[in-house]
Protein backbone atom coordinates (compact mmCIF):
# COMPACT_ATOMS: atom_id res chain seq x y z
CA MET A 1 -18.30 8.74 17.47
CA SER A 2 -20.20 11.89 16.60
CA SER A 3 -22.05 12.43 13.35
CA SER A 4 -24.19 14.94 11.54
CA ASP A 5 -26.73 13.93 8.89
CA THR A 6 -29.14 16.48 7.45
CA LEU A 7 -30.97 15.52 4.30
CA VAL A 8 -32.51 18.77 3.13
CA ALA A 9 -32.16 22.43 4.07
CA THR A 10 -34.65 24.76 2.43
CA GLY A 11 -34.42 28.44 1.60
CA ASN A 12 -31.39 30.69 1.72
CA LYS A 13 -30.74 30.53 5.44
CA ALA A 14 -27.76 28.42 6.33
CA HIS A 15 -27.70 26.24 9.43
CA SER A 16 -25.19 25.18 12.07
CA HIS A 17 -23.64 21.82 12.84
CA GLY A 18 -23.10 21.58 16.57
CA PRO A 19 -22.07 24.01 19.27
CA GLY A 20 -19.26 26.37 18.45
CA SER A 21 -19.55 26.02 14.66
CA PRO A 22 -22.02 28.63 13.47
CA VAL A 23 -22.60 29.03 9.76
CA PRO A 24 -23.10 32.66 8.71
CA LEU A 25 -26.41 33.79 7.27
CA GLN A 26 -24.58 35.07 4.20
CA ALA A 27 -25.13 32.57 1.39
CA ARG A 28 -21.99 30.91 0.07
CA SER A 29 -22.67 32.29 -3.42
CA GLU A 30 -22.74 35.85 -2.08
CA ARG A 31 -19.17 35.87 -0.80
CA PRO A 32 -16.92 38.19 -2.79
CA THR A 33 -14.83 37.00 -5.72
CA SER A 34 -12.44 39.17 -7.67
CA TYR A 35 -9.28 39.27 -9.78
CA ASP A 36 -8.24 42.41 -7.88
CA VAL A 37 -6.12 41.68 -4.80
CA ALA A 38 -7.21 45.00 -3.27
CA ASP A 39 -10.76 43.63 -2.94
CA PHE A 40 -9.55 41.22 -0.24
CA ALA A 41 -8.20 42.41 3.09
CA VAL A 42 -5.31 40.54 4.67
CA PRO A 43 -7.00 37.75 6.68
CA ASN A 44 -6.80 37.88 10.46
CA GLY A 45 -8.43 34.51 11.18
CA ARG A 46 -11.80 35.89 12.25
CA GLU A 47 -13.28 35.70 8.74
CA GLU A 48 -15.62 32.78 8.06
CA GLU A 49 -13.43 31.48 5.22
CA TRP A 50 -10.25 31.68 7.32
CA ARG A 51 -11.36 30.86 10.85
CA PHE A 52 -9.98 27.31 10.77
CA THR A 53 -6.71 28.22 9.02
CA PRO A 54 -3.40 29.16 10.75
CA VAL A 55 -3.22 32.53 8.98
CA LYS A 56 -0.26 33.80 11.02
CA GLN A 57 1.92 31.30 9.16
CA LEU A 58 0.73 32.47 5.74
CA LYS A 59 1.97 36.05 5.68
CA ALA A 60 4.23 35.49 2.67
CA LEU A 61 1.36 34.22 0.52
CA PHE A 62 -0.83 37.18 1.56
CA ASP A 63 1.81 39.68 0.38
CA ASP A 64 0.84 41.25 -2.95
CA ALA A 65 4.29 40.94 -4.49
CA ALA A 66 6.00 38.87 -7.13
CA GLY A 67 7.39 35.50 -6.15
CA SER A 68 11.06 34.92 -5.51
CA GLU A 69 11.06 31.78 -7.66
CA THR A 70 9.19 30.17 -10.54
CA PRO A 71 8.15 26.59 -9.74
CA LYS A 72 9.64 23.99 -12.07
CA ILE A 73 6.95 22.35 -14.21
CA ASP A 74 7.51 19.14 -16.16
CA THR A 75 4.92 17.52 -18.43
CA SER A 76 4.40 14.29 -20.30
CA GLY A 77 1.51 12.77 -22.18
CA PRO A 78 0.46 10.60 -25.10
CA GLU A 79 0.46 11.76 -28.70
CA GLY A 80 -2.17 14.37 -29.48
CA VAL A 81 -2.09 16.21 -26.16
CA VAL A 82 -1.14 19.85 -26.56
CA PHE A 83 0.97 21.67 -23.94
CA GLU A 84 1.25 25.41 -24.45
CA THR A 85 1.99 28.57 -22.52
CA VAL A 86 -0.86 31.10 -22.53
CA ALA A 87 -1.87 34.27 -20.74
CA ALA A 88 -3.17 33.62 -17.23
CA ASP A 89 -6.44 35.37 -18.07
CA SER A 90 -7.09 33.49 -21.32
CA LEU A 91 -9.88 31.28 -19.90
CA LYS A 92 -11.37 32.65 -16.67
CA VAL A 93 -13.41 29.66 -15.51
CA GLY A 94 -13.85 31.15 -12.05
CA LYS A 95 -12.73 34.24 -10.18
CA PRO A 96 -10.36 34.05 -7.20
CA GLN A 97 -12.37 33.63 -4.01
CA ASP A 98 -9.78 34.86 -1.51
CA ARG A 99 -6.67 37.00 -1.24
CA SER A 100 -4.14 34.20 -1.77
CA ALA A 101 -5.85 33.01 -4.98
CA ALA A 102 -6.01 36.57 -6.33
CA ILE A 103 -2.31 37.11 -5.62
CA ALA A 104 -1.44 33.82 -7.33
CA TRP A 105 -3.58 34.81 -10.33
CA ASN A 106 -1.84 38.15 -10.73
CA HIS A 107 1.73 37.02 -10.08
CA ALA A 108 1.90 33.64 -11.83
CA GLY A 109 2.63 35.54 -15.04
CA GLU A 110 1.60 32.91 -17.55
CA ALA A 111 -0.40 29.69 -17.44
CA LEU A 112 0.41 26.23 -18.68
CA ALA A 113 -2.50 24.91 -20.76
CA VAL A 114 -3.06 21.18 -21.22
CA ARG A 115 -5.47 20.60 -24.10
CA ILE A 116 -7.19 17.29 -24.88
CA PRO A 117 -8.38 17.25 -28.51
CA VAL A 118 -12.04 16.89 -29.44
CA GLU A 119 -13.19 13.22 -29.39
CA ALA A 120 -9.73 11.97 -28.32
CA GLU A 121 -9.74 8.96 -25.99
CA LEU A 122 -6.34 8.84 -24.31
CA THR A 123 -5.01 5.43 -23.32
CA GLU A 124 -2.28 6.89 -21.09
CA ALA A 125 -2.44 9.49 -18.33
CA VAL A 126 -1.17 13.03 -18.77
CA HIS A 127 1.36 14.01 -16.08
CA VAL A 128 2.11 17.50 -14.79
CA ASN A 129 4.68 17.87 -12.01
CA VAL A 130 4.84 21.21 -10.20
CA ALA A 131 7.99 21.36 -8.06
CA SER A 132 8.53 24.18 -5.59
CA LEU A 133 12.23 24.92 -5.21
CA GLY A 134 12.34 26.21 -1.64
CA ALA A 135 11.17 29.81 -1.91
CA ARG A 136 7.88 31.63 -2.62
CA GLY A 137 6.27 31.10 -6.01
CA PHE A 138 3.04 30.85 -8.00
CA SER A 139 1.64 28.54 -10.65
CA HIS A 140 -1.37 28.57 -12.99
CA LEU A 141 -2.59 25.50 -14.83
CA ILE A 142 -5.42 25.11 -17.36
CA VAL A 143 -6.86 21.71 -18.26
CA ASP A 144 -9.17 21.88 -21.29
CA ALA A 145 -10.89 18.65 -22.35
CA GLY A 146 -12.50 18.92 -25.79
CA ARG A 147 -15.98 17.71 -26.63
CA HIS A 148 -16.54 13.95 -26.28
CA SER A 149 -12.95 13.36 -25.22
CA LYS A 150 -11.79 11.02 -22.46
CA ALA A 151 -8.63 11.59 -20.43
CA ILE A 152 -6.80 11.33 -17.10
CA VAL A 153 -4.62 14.21 -15.91
CA ILE A 154 -2.38 13.78 -12.85
CA ILE A 155 -1.01 16.94 -11.21
CA ASP A 156 1.76 16.21 -8.72
CA HIS A 157 2.87 18.98 -6.34
CA THR A 158 6.25 18.33 -4.73
CA GLY A 159 9.21 20.13 -3.20
CA ALA A 160 9.71 22.76 -0.54
CA GLY A 161 8.81 26.41 -0.13
CA GLU A 162 5.54 28.32 -0.36
CA LEU A 163 3.23 27.89 -3.35
CA GLY A 164 0.10 29.77 -4.39
CA SER A 165 -1.68 28.07 -7.28
CA ASN A 166 -4.74 28.22 -9.51
CA VAL A 167 -6.07 25.31 -11.58
CA GLU A 168 -8.82 25.89 -14.16
CA ILE A 169 -10.66 22.90 -15.62
CA VAL A 170 -13.07 22.79 -18.57
CA VAL A 171 -14.90 19.57 -19.41
CA GLY A 172 -16.41 19.90 -22.88
CA ASP A 173 -19.87 18.64 -23.78
CA GLY A 174 -20.04 14.86 -23.57
CA ALA A 175 -16.44 14.55 -22.34
CA GLU A 176 -15.18 12.51 -19.39
CA LEU A 177 -12.20 13.92 -17.52
CA ARG A 178 -10.44 12.58 -14.44
CA VAL A 179 -8.15 15.08 -12.70
CA VAL A 180 -6.01 13.88 -9.79
CA SER A 181 -4.21 16.56 -7.77
CA ILE A 182 -1.56 15.18 -5.41
CA GLN A 183 -0.01 17.31 -2.69
CA GLN A 184 3.15 15.73 -1.25
CA GLY A 185 5.51 18.57 -0.42
CA ASP A 186 8.14 18.30 2.29
CA ASN A 187 7.43 18.80 5.98
CA GLU A 188 7.90 22.58 5.90
CA SER A 189 6.14 23.34 2.60
CA ILE A 190 3.00 25.48 2.35
CA HIS A 191 0.50 25.25 -0.51
CA LEU A 192 -2.63 27.35 -0.98
CA GLY A 193 -4.56 26.35 -4.10
CA GLN A 194 -7.86 27.08 -5.84
CA HIS A 195 -9.40 24.75 -8.43
CA ASP A 196 -12.28 25.94 -10.63
CA ALA A 197 -14.13 23.50 -12.88
CA LEU A 198 -16.82 24.04 -15.51
CA VAL A 199 -18.70 20.86 -16.51
CA GLY A 200 -20.35 20.84 -19.92
CA ARG A 201 -23.63 19.35 -21.14
CA ASP A 202 -23.77 15.59 -20.46
CA ALA A 203 -20.12 15.70 -19.39
CA LYS A 204 -18.53 13.96 -16.42
CA LEU A 205 -15.78 15.23 -14.14
CA HIS A 206 -13.93 13.04 -11.63
CA HIS A 207 -11.90 15.38 -9.43
CA VAL A 208 -9.58 13.80 -6.86
CA VAL A 209 -7.53 15.61 -4.20
CA VAL A 210 -4.87 13.52 -2.43
CA THR A 211 -2.91 15.27 0.33
CA LEU A 212 -0.02 13.26 1.72
CA GLY A 213 2.49 15.90 2.82
CA GLY A 214 3.12 19.54 3.55
CA LYS A 215 3.04 21.62 6.71
CA ILE A 216 -0.02 23.58 5.57
CA VAL A 217 -2.09 22.55 2.55
CA ARG A 218 -5.38 24.26 1.75
CA ILE A 219 -7.20 23.36 -1.48
CA ALA A 220 -10.46 25.11 -2.45
CA THR A 221 -12.41 23.34 -5.20
CA ASN A 222 -15.31 25.01 -7.01
CA VAL A 223 -17.59 23.35 -9.58
CA ARG A 224 -20.19 24.89 -11.92
CA TYR A 225 -22.24 23.44 -14.77
CA ALA A 226 -22.42 24.85 -18.30
CA GLY A 227 -25.44 22.80 -19.37
CA PRO A 228 -27.89 20.07 -18.39
CA GLY A 229 -26.84 16.50 -17.67
CA GLY A 230 -23.46 17.34 -16.12
CA ASP A 231 -22.05 14.97 -13.48
CA ALA A 232 -19.28 15.76 -10.98
CA GLU A 233 -17.67 13.27 -8.62
CA LEU A 234 -15.35 14.93 -6.09
CA LEU A 235 -13.12 12.63 -4.04
CA GLY A 236 -10.52 13.41 -1.41
CA VAL A 237 -8.02 11.47 0.70
CA TYR A 238 -5.73 13.02 3.34
CA PHE A 239 -3.54 11.85 6.22
CA ALA A 240 -2.27 14.58 8.54
CA GLU A 241 0.59 13.87 10.92
CA SER A 242 2.18 15.85 13.78
CA GLY A 243 2.15 19.58 13.07
CA GLN A 244 0.44 19.27 9.69
CA HIS A 245 -2.69 21.20 8.66
CA HIS A 246 -4.69 19.75 5.74
CA GLU A 247 -7.72 21.78 4.69
CA ASN A 248 -10.22 21.14 1.91
CA ARG A 249 -12.99 23.54 0.93
CA LEU A 250 -15.58 22.72 -1.71
CA PHE A 251 -18.35 24.67 -3.40
CA VAL A 252 -20.66 22.92 -5.87
CA ASP A 253 -22.91 25.46 -7.59
CA HIS A 254 -25.89 23.76 -9.24
CA GLU A 255 -27.35 26.24 -11.71
CA ALA A 256 -28.29 23.94 -14.63
CA VAL A 257 -31.09 21.37 -14.76
CA GLN A 258 -30.70 17.60 -14.40
CA CYS A 259 -27.14 17.68 -13.03
CA LYS A 260 -25.48 15.50 -10.40
CA SER A 261 -22.75 15.85 -7.81
CA ASN A 262 -21.30 13.33 -5.40
CA VAL A 263 -18.67 14.32 -2.83
CA ILE A 264 -16.70 11.84 -0.70
CA TYR A 265 -13.70 12.92 1.39
CA LYS A 266 -11.96 10.73 3.96
CA GLY A 267 -9.04 11.54 6.21
CA ALA A 268 -6.95 10.18 9.06
CA LEU A 269 -4.98 12.10 11.66
CA ALA A 270 -2.14 11.05 13.97
CA GLY A 271 0.21 12.98 16.25
CA ASP A 272 0.23 16.17 18.28
CA HIS A 273 -1.38 19.13 16.54
CA ALA A 274 -2.33 17.10 13.46
CA ARG A 275 -5.26 19.03 12.03
CA SER A 276 -7.75 18.58 9.22
CA VAL A 277 -10.54 20.86 8.04
CA TRP A 278 -13.26 19.97 5.57
CA ILE A 279 -15.90 22.50 4.46
CA GLY A 280 -18.46 21.28 1.94
CA ASP A 281 -20.87 23.83 0.45
CA VAL A 282 -23.56 22.87 -2.07
CA LEU A 283 -25.99 25.37 -3.60
CA ILE A 284 -29.01 24.27 -5.64
CA ARG A 285 -30.33 27.36 -7.39
CA ALA A 286 -34.00 27.95 -8.19
CA ALA A 287 -33.49 27.05 -11.85
CA ALA A 288 -31.62 23.80 -11.15
CA GLU A 289 -34.57 21.43 -11.22
CA GLY A 290 -33.86 17.71 -11.27
CA THR A 291 -30.62 18.05 -9.29
CA SER A 292 -29.21 15.08 -7.40
CA THR A 293 -26.45 15.75 -4.87
CA PHE A 294 -24.83 14.18 -1.83
CA GLU A 295 -21.70 14.95 0.15
CA LEU A 296 -19.91 12.85 2.78
CA ASN A 297 -16.91 13.48 5.01
CA ARG A 298 -15.40 10.92 7.40
CA ASN A 299 -12.42 11.42 9.70
CA LEU A 300 -10.51 8.87 11.76
CA VAL A 301 -8.48 10.22 14.71
CA LEU A 302 -5.72 7.74 15.50
CA THR A 303 -3.96 9.40 18.45
CA ASP A 304 -4.45 11.99 21.16
CA GLY A 305 -3.59 15.56 20.23
CA ALA A 306 -5.17 15.46 16.75
CA ARG A 307 -8.28 17.36 15.69
CA ALA A 308 -10.66 17.26 12.74
CA ASP A 309 -13.28 19.90 11.84
CA SER A 310 -16.04 19.01 9.39
CA VAL A 311 -18.80 21.37 8.25
CA PRO A 312 -21.25 20.38 5.49
CA ASN A 313 -23.60 23.11 4.24
CA LEU A 314 -26.54 22.75 1.88
CA GLU A 315 -28.64 25.56 0.36
CA ILE A 316 -31.71 24.63 -1.67
CA GLU A 317 -33.78 27.19 -3.57
CA THR A 318 -36.18 24.80 -5.31
CA GLY A 319 -38.19 21.78 -4.22
CA GLU A 320 -38.10 20.23 -7.69
CA ILE A 321 -35.03 18.05 -7.14
CA GLU A 322 -34.21 14.35 -7.31
CA GLY A 323 -32.49 14.33 -3.92
CA ALA A 324 -30.02 16.18 -1.72
CA GLY A 325 -28.19 15.28 1.45
CA HIS A 326 -24.99 15.36 3.40
CA ALA A 327 -23.30 13.56 6.27
CA SER A 328 -20.15 13.98 8.31
CA ALA A 329 -18.59 11.99 11.13
CA THR A 330 -15.39 12.13 13.15
CA GLY A 331 -14.42 9.27 15.43
CA ARG A 332 -11.50 7.84 17.31
CA PHE A 333 -9.79 4.57 16.50
CA ASP A 334 -12.16 1.71 17.33
CA ASP A 335 -10.52 -0.17 20.22
CA GLU A 336 -13.29 -2.78 20.19
CA GLN A 337 -12.57 -3.64 16.59
CA LEU A 338 -8.87 -3.80 17.41
CA PHE A 339 -9.55 -6.15 20.33
CA TYR A 340 -11.71 -8.34 18.09
CA LEU A 341 -8.88 -8.77 15.59
CA GLN A 342 -6.27 -9.37 18.29
CA ALA A 343 -8.48 -12.02 19.88
CA ARG A 344 -8.22 -13.91 16.60
CA GLY A 345 -4.45 -13.96 16.67
CA ILE A 346 -3.68 -10.85 14.64
CA PRO A 347 -0.84 -8.76 16.14
CA GLU A 348 -1.76 -5.23 17.25
CA ASP A 349 0.23 -3.40 14.56
CA ALA A 350 -1.24 -5.57 11.79
CA ALA A 351 -4.71 -5.14 13.25
CA ARG A 352 -4.36 -1.36 13.23
CA ARG A 353 -3.28 -1.42 9.60
CA LEU A 354 -6.27 -3.57 8.70
CA VAL A 355 -8.72 -1.20 10.37
CA VAL A 356 -7.27 1.93 8.76
CA SER A 357 -6.94 0.24 5.37
CA GLY A 358 -10.58 -0.77 5.59
CA PHE A 359 -11.49 2.84 6.36
CA PHE A 360 -9.77 4.08 3.18
CA ASN A 361 -10.30 1.15 0.80
CA ASP A 362 -13.66 2.16 -0.65
CA ILE A 363 -12.64 5.69 -1.57
CA ILE A 364 -9.21 4.62 -2.86
CA GLY A 365 -10.99 2.12 -5.07
CA LYS A 366 -13.01 4.96 -6.62
CA ILE A 367 -9.93 6.93 -7.69
CA GLY A 368 -9.58 4.75 -10.76
CA VAL A 369 -5.88 5.37 -11.48
CA PRO A 370 -3.72 2.34 -10.52
CA GLU A 371 -0.43 4.24 -10.29
CA VAL A 372 -2.02 6.70 -7.85
CA THR A 373 -3.78 4.07 -5.73
CA GLU A 374 -0.63 1.95 -5.43
CA HIS A 375 1.40 4.97 -4.31
CA LEU A 376 -1.34 5.96 -1.87
CA HIS A 377 -1.36 2.52 -0.25
CA GLU A 378 2.43 2.69 0.15
CA VAL A 379 2.38 6.12 1.79
CA ILE A 380 -0.47 5.17 4.13
CA GLU A 381 1.55 2.12 5.22
CA GLU A 382 4.55 4.37 5.95
CA LYS A 383 2.38 6.77 7.95
CA LEU A 384 0.81 3.93 9.92
CA ALA A 385 4.25 2.63 10.81
CA ARG A 386 5.12 6.06 12.25
CA THR A 387 1.76 6.12 14.07
CA ALA A 388 2.56 2.74 15.64
CA GLU A 389 5.85 4.17 16.90
CA LEU A 390 3.99 7.12 18.43
CA SER A 391 1.54 4.80 20.16
CA ALA A 392 4.35 2.61 21.50
CA SER A 393 6.20 5.66 22.84
CA ALA A 394 3.02 6.96 24.51
CA LYS A 395 2.42 3.60 26.19
CA ALA A 396 6.02 3.48 27.41
CA VAL A 397 5.64 6.92 29.00
CA THR A 398 2.35 6.07 30.73
CA GLY A 399 3.49 2.59 31.70
CA GLN A 400 0.55 0.86 30.03
């Protein structure tokens, strides 16, 4: 088990986390953002923001051309929620931070806006299903929670094909919004997405990214604060299997006073060439006094041939903060724990499920949406069953 725990980094100079993973001196906030595709060159994999990503497989989503399909979007929600089609540039919470996001912005055409009325407290979740139909397409979604409202919005990405997407989120002053984005495309699907959230004064955002399927899934989540007292909880769960690449990139930009952020992402990997990437960037600007922030990433490697990369970065420009820290760890399946359970009469397969379930239980419990957590438990069980088959096959080959 290897781990990295650094509590505070001062100044604008970034730092590295182990051999072979240098962090550039350029501050995260200084990287280019633009609505103009021409401002981003086609990535070659040597760029800092693309060095972990299999860019050779993403040529279609780097092509500045209209999509060959329009993803099918279905919505449902309780009375009072407004669904409307608006211009893609009607809100502009955050600019695209890479070429794929800029292309999606320019070629999605229109955006679907989900509006939660001021002071509404929804008793049922809002559902948005984005289904790719097998070709190349783009989507743009806006979630706008009015002042002092309370709501849950579940975005479910399914289907096949290649999808470039943008999601813009506004949490009005005093509102509490829980957004759950689920990625469960088929085994050959590709999804590149950017989420931008603006958290209002004394507002709270719970943002959850659950990645259960897809050949390549890369979600970049960016959070800013519009006033003091904002609170953002960013959670993520992923389980990459053979040949899958699941990548999560986060940037929390603290620029208002007395705000909080808490990031927890956990993932498991099983099978040859299963790959996960987690990049967590937090910036505390000079004016953001009273900030409290922590980010955590944990990865569990269940078989040989899988790899997890985890890079937390923290930039602090003021010493007047409540606290700041980060931690990351990647470890293999704990054979000692497995032996302990087997010694007490628990079969090996059941023991493995117990260990992995224990690894995920705390973060799944924080998601706070029963229909999502129940589905997540079911899918993890299915993936563990396939992992057990892989392990049994490997043992048969080696004669163990």
